[in-house]
């Protein structure tokens, strides 16, 4: 696989991810929700995530900086890894999946690094939509931005866990609960595809080598080779 093809794939994912995030940030207030094509199980629901992918959180303000720096190191390391995968001619499918994971990490890193400086905060109580480059500055400093999530697919709602189930017995049950973005989806799809096709991606086909032995001995009916 050529490097420029991989760069094009990464740029397409980053553009789609950031375009969707900008649209949501500039048109939705925090907590606003709309159905997609009138479907109850497909919604755009604007939330901002201070932590990891899929809404997981990590250790307050210090954890936020640590997580952003970890993402930055992972993206830098990933750049060299992708170059190495191309140089060593790994399976094209594996390289594309690795690029999807890389793109997702980079997409969320952009939010964490810069969104706090370029956007004002969304106020769900006043239902105000954030502005880009507000006169009074953004809602947070460098490395403190929140990741924008919006894709929500509650396929099963209004259900309950069985009462006999330990811990969660009788609680409300919803599938699929997480709100995520295109970057999260890119990471998850890349990981899942690698797991499903790992045997194909990492298969080594060893071709048997046949060696021809030359000899100056005369072989005929009167010669026996033992």
Protein backbone atom coordinates (compact mmCIF):
# COMPACT_ATOMS: atom_id res chain seq x y z
CA UNK A 1 0.00 0.00 0.00
CA UNK A 2 1.25 3.48 -0.92
CA UNK A 3 1.73 6.09 1.78
CA UNK A 4 -0.31 8.71 -0.09
CA UNK A 5 -3.29 6.34 -0.22
CA UNK A 6 -3.11 5.89 3.53
CA UNK A 7 -2.79 9.63 4.08
CA UNK A 8 -5.92 10.16 1.97
CA UNK A 9 -7.87 7.64 4.09
CA UNK A 10 -6.74 9.33 7.31
CA UNK A 11 -7.63 12.80 6.01
CA UNK A 12 -11.11 11.64 4.92
CA UNK A 13 -11.86 10.20 8.39
CA UNK A 14 -10.50 13.29 10.16
CA UNK A 15 -12.50 15.62 7.89
CA UNK A 16 -15.75 13.68 8.40
CA UNK A 17 -15.21 13.55 12.17
CA UNK A 18 -14.37 17.22 12.57
CA UNK A 19 -17.08 18.40 10.17
CA UNK A 20 -19.73 16.53 12.17
CA UNK A 21 -18.37 17.88 15.46
CA UNK A 22 -18.30 21.47 14.19
CA UNK A 23 -21.86 21.12 12.88
CA UNK A 24 -23.13 19.81 16.21
CA UNK A 25 -21.17 22.30 18.30
CA UNK A 26 -22.37 25.29 16.26
CA UNK A 27 -26.00 24.21 15.87
CA UNK A 28 -26.94 22.24 19.02
CA UNK A 29 -26.93 23.24 22.65
CA UNK A 30 -25.62 20.68 25.16
CA UNK A 31 -28.21 17.97 25.68
CA UNK A 32 -30.20 18.77 22.53
CA UNK A 33 -31.46 15.72 20.68
CA UNK A 34 -33.11 15.07 17.31
CA UNK A 35 -34.23 11.88 15.61
CA UNK A 36 -32.45 10.75 12.46
CA UNK A 37 -35.03 10.27 9.67
CA UNK A 38 -37.73 10.05 12.33
CA UNK A 39 -36.32 6.83 13.82
CA UNK A 40 -36.52 6.42 17.59
CA UNK A 41 -33.46 4.16 17.60
CA UNK A 42 -31.23 6.60 15.66
CA UNK A 43 -30.60 10.02 17.18
CA UNK A 44 -28.22 12.96 17.24
CA UNK A 45 -27.70 13.77 20.90
CA UNK A 46 -25.11 16.41 21.77
CA UNK A 47 -22.93 15.69 24.78
CA UNK A 48 -19.38 16.72 25.63
CA UNK A 49 -17.06 14.13 27.03
CA UNK A 50 -14.16 15.12 29.29
CA UNK A 51 -12.65 11.66 29.28
CA UNK A 52 -11.97 8.76 26.99
CA UNK A 53 -13.91 7.28 24.11
CA UNK A 54 -17.54 6.23 24.63
CA UNK A 55 -18.00 8.67 27.55
CA UNK A 56 -15.58 7.09 30.01
CA UNK A 57 -13.93 9.54 32.38
CA UNK A 58 -10.48 9.64 33.89
CA UNK A 59 -9.40 11.44 37.07
CA UNK A 60 -10.57 15.08 37.01
CA UNK A 61 -8.43 17.99 35.78
CA UNK A 62 -5.09 16.24 36.18
CA UNK A 63 -6.48 13.12 34.57
CA UNK A 64 -7.71 15.23 31.64
CA UNK A 65 -4.22 16.61 30.97
CA UNK A 66 -2.65 13.16 31.41
CA UNK A 67 -5.15 11.62 29.01
CA UNK A 68 -4.58 14.32 26.37
CA UNK A 69 -0.80 13.94 26.63
CA UNK A 70 -1.17 10.17 26.38
CA UNK A 71 -3.24 10.62 23.20
CA UNK A 72 -0.57 12.94 21.81
CA UNK A 73 2.23 10.45 22.49
CA UNK A 74 0.10 7.63 21.03
CA UNK A 75 -0.54 9.60 17.83
CA UNK A 76 3.15 10.46 17.41
CA UNK A 77 4.12 6.83 18.02
CA UNK A 78 1.35 5.71 15.67
CA UNK A 79 2.79 7.84 12.88
CA UNK A 80 6.06 5.93 13.00
CA UNK A 81 4.22 2.61 13.33
CA UNK A 82 2.17 3.24 10.20
CA UNK A 83 5.29 4.14 8.27
CA UNK A 84 6.93 0.93 9.49
CA UNK A 85 3.88 -1.16 8.49
CA UNK A 86 4.07 0.24 4.97
CA UNK A 87 7.83 -0.28 4.72
CA UNK A 88 7.54 -3.89 5.88
CA UNK A 89 4.60 -4.45 3.49
CA UNK A 90 2.04 -5.65 6.01
CA UNK A 91 -1.33 -6.82 4.72
CA UNK A 92 -3.21 -3.88 3.17
CA UNK A 93 -6.31 -4.64 5.25
CA UNK A 94 -4.33 -4.48 8.48
CA UNK A 95 -2.68 -1.20 7.49
CA UNK A 96 -6.08 0.35 6.71
CA UNK A 97 -7.43 -0.80 10.09
CA UNK A 98 -4.38 0.64 11.83
CA UNK A 99 -5.01 3.92 9.97
CA UNK A 100 -8.63 3.90 11.19
CA UNK A 101 -7.47 3.53 14.80
CA UNK A 102 -4.87 6.25 14.26
CA UNK A 103 -7.44 8.60 12.68
CA UNK A 104 -9.86 8.12 15.56
CA UNK A 105 -7.19 8.87 18.14
CA UNK A 106 -6.11 11.97 16.21
CA UNK A 107 -9.70 13.16 15.79
CA UNK A 108 -10.38 13.08 19.53
CA UNK A 109 -6.95 14.56 20.26
CA UNK A 110 -7.86 17.64 18.19
CA UNK A 111 -10.92 18.18 20.42
CA UNK A 112 -8.91 17.78 23.62
CA UNK A 113 -6.13 20.10 22.53
CA UNK A 114 -7.98 22.95 20.83
CA UNK A 115 -11.76 22.97 21.35
CA UNK A 116 -11.51 24.62 24.75
CA UNK A 117 -9.70 27.58 23.17
CA UNK A 118 -11.82 28.08 20.04
CA UNK A 119 -15.37 27.43 21.32
CA UNK A 120 -17.42 28.99 24.07
CA UNK A 121 -19.25 26.71 26.45
CA UNK A 122 -22.72 25.42 25.59
CA UNK A 123 -25.33 26.29 28.22
CA UNK A 124 -28.15 23.73 28.30
CA UNK A 125 -30.15 25.81 30.79
CA UNK A 126 -30.23 28.84 28.49
CA UNK A 127 -30.29 26.59 25.42
CA UNK A 128 -27.60 28.70 23.80
CA UNK A 129 -25.47 27.38 20.97
CA UNK A 130 -21.71 27.85 21.28
CA UNK A 131 -19.90 30.37 19.10
CA UNK A 132 -16.61 29.81 17.33
CA UNK A 133 -13.76 32.11 18.46
CA UNK A 134 -15.89 34.03 21.02
CA UNK A 135 -14.70 37.56 21.92
CA UNK A 136 -14.11 36.62 25.57
CA UNK A 137 -12.19 33.49 24.73
CA UNK A 138 -13.01 29.81 24.89
CA UNK A 139 -14.32 27.77 27.79
CA UNK A 140 -10.96 26.18 28.70
CA UNK A 141 -7.25 26.33 28.01
CA UNK A 142 -4.90 24.26 25.91
CA UNK A 143 -5.21 20.48 26.52
CA UNK A 144 -8.48 20.95 28.44
CA UNK A 145 -10.97 20.73 25.59
CA UNK A 146 -13.97 18.39 25.72
CA UNK A 147 -14.59 15.73 23.10
CA UNK A 148 -17.83 16.27 21.19
CA UNK A 149 -20.11 13.21 20.97
CA UNK A 150 -23.40 13.02 19.13
CA UNK A 151 -24.25 9.59 17.69
CA UNK A 152 -26.78 7.72 19.80
CA UNK A 153 -28.46 4.45 18.84
CA UNK A 154 -30.75 3.16 21.63
CA UNK A 155 -31.86 -0.03 19.86
CA UNK A 156 -33.68 -1.36 22.96
CA UNK A 157 -35.36 1.00 25.44
CA UNK A 158 -37.91 0.83 28.25
CA UNK A 159 -36.66 -2.63 29.26
CA UNK A 160 -35.62 -3.90 32.70
CA UNK A 161 -33.08 -6.37 34.01
CA UNK A 162 -34.65 -9.48 35.61
CA UNK A 163 -35.28 -9.04 39.33
CA UNK A 164 -33.23 -12.17 40.12
CA UNK A 165 -30.09 -10.69 38.53
CA UNK A 166 -27.49 -9.65 41.15
CA UNK A 167 -26.62 -5.92 41.45
CA UNK A 168 -28.70 -4.76 38.44
CA UNK A 169 -31.89 -6.70 39.17
CA UNK A 170 -34.95 -4.59 38.34
CA UNK A 171 -32.93 -1.64 36.97
CA UNK A 172 -33.71 -0.04 33.64
CA UNK A 173 -32.01 -1.62 30.65
CA UNK A 174 -31.08 0.12 27.44
CA UNK A 175 -29.12 -1.13 24.45
CA UNK A 176 -27.15 0.63 22.95
CA UNK A 177 -26.51 3.31 25.62
CA UNK A 178 -23.18 5.07 24.76
CA UNK A 179 -23.11 8.35 22.81
CA UNK A 180 -20.11 8.43 20.50
CA UNK A 181 -18.61 10.17 17.47
CA UNK A 182 -17.07 9.21 14.13
CA UNK A 183 -13.59 9.02 15.68
CA UNK A 184 -14.81 6.53 18.30
CA UNK A 185 -16.52 4.48 15.59
CA UNK A 186 -13.35 4.49 13.50
CA UNK A 187 -11.27 3.17 16.41
CA UNK A 188 -13.81 0.48 17.29
CA UNK A 189 -14.27 -0.70 13.69
CA UNK A 190 -10.50 -0.88 13.17
CA UNK A 191 -10.00 -2.98 16.32
CA UNK A 192 -12.95 -5.29 15.59
CA UNK A 193 -11.88 -5.95 11.99
CA UNK A 194 -8.32 -6.74 13.10
CA UNK A 195 -9.66 -9.23 15.67
CA UNK A 196 -11.99 -10.86 13.13
CA UNK A 197 -9.40 -11.17 10.36
CA UNK A 198 -6.18 -11.51 12.35
CA UNK A 199 -5.42 -14.93 10.87
CA UNK A 200 -5.58 -13.48 7.37
CA UNK A 201 -3.73 -10.29 8.23
CA UNK A 202 -0.85 -12.03 9.99
CA UNK A 203 -0.68 -15.28 8.05
CA UNK A 204 2.81 -16.32 6.94
CA UNK A 205 2.92 -18.52 3.88
CA UNK A 206 6.17 -20.46 3.91
CA UNK A 207 7.03 -21.74 0.46
CA UNK A 208 8.95 -25.05 0.59
CA UNK A 209 12.47 -24.70 -0.75
CA UNK A 210 13.86 -27.45 -2.94
CA UNK A 211 17.62 -27.73 -3.22
CA UNK A 212 19.33 -29.40 -6.19
CA UNK A 213 22.45 -31.33 -5.32
CA UNK A 214 25.05 -31.60 -8.05
CA UNK A 215 27.42 -34.57 -8.13
CA UNK A 216 30.18 -35.70 -10.44
CA UNK A 217 29.50 -39.36 -9.70
CA UNK A 218 28.24 -41.51 -12.53
CA UNK A 219 24.86 -42.98 -11.80
CA UNK A 220 23.83 -45.96 -13.88
CA UNK A 221 22.40 -49.42 -13.45
CA UNK A 222 25.66 -50.63 -11.98
CA UNK A 223 25.84 -47.89 -9.35
CA UNK A 224 23.96 -48.08 -6.07
CA UNK A 225 23.35 -44.94 -4.05
CA UNK A 226 22.72 -45.54 -0.37
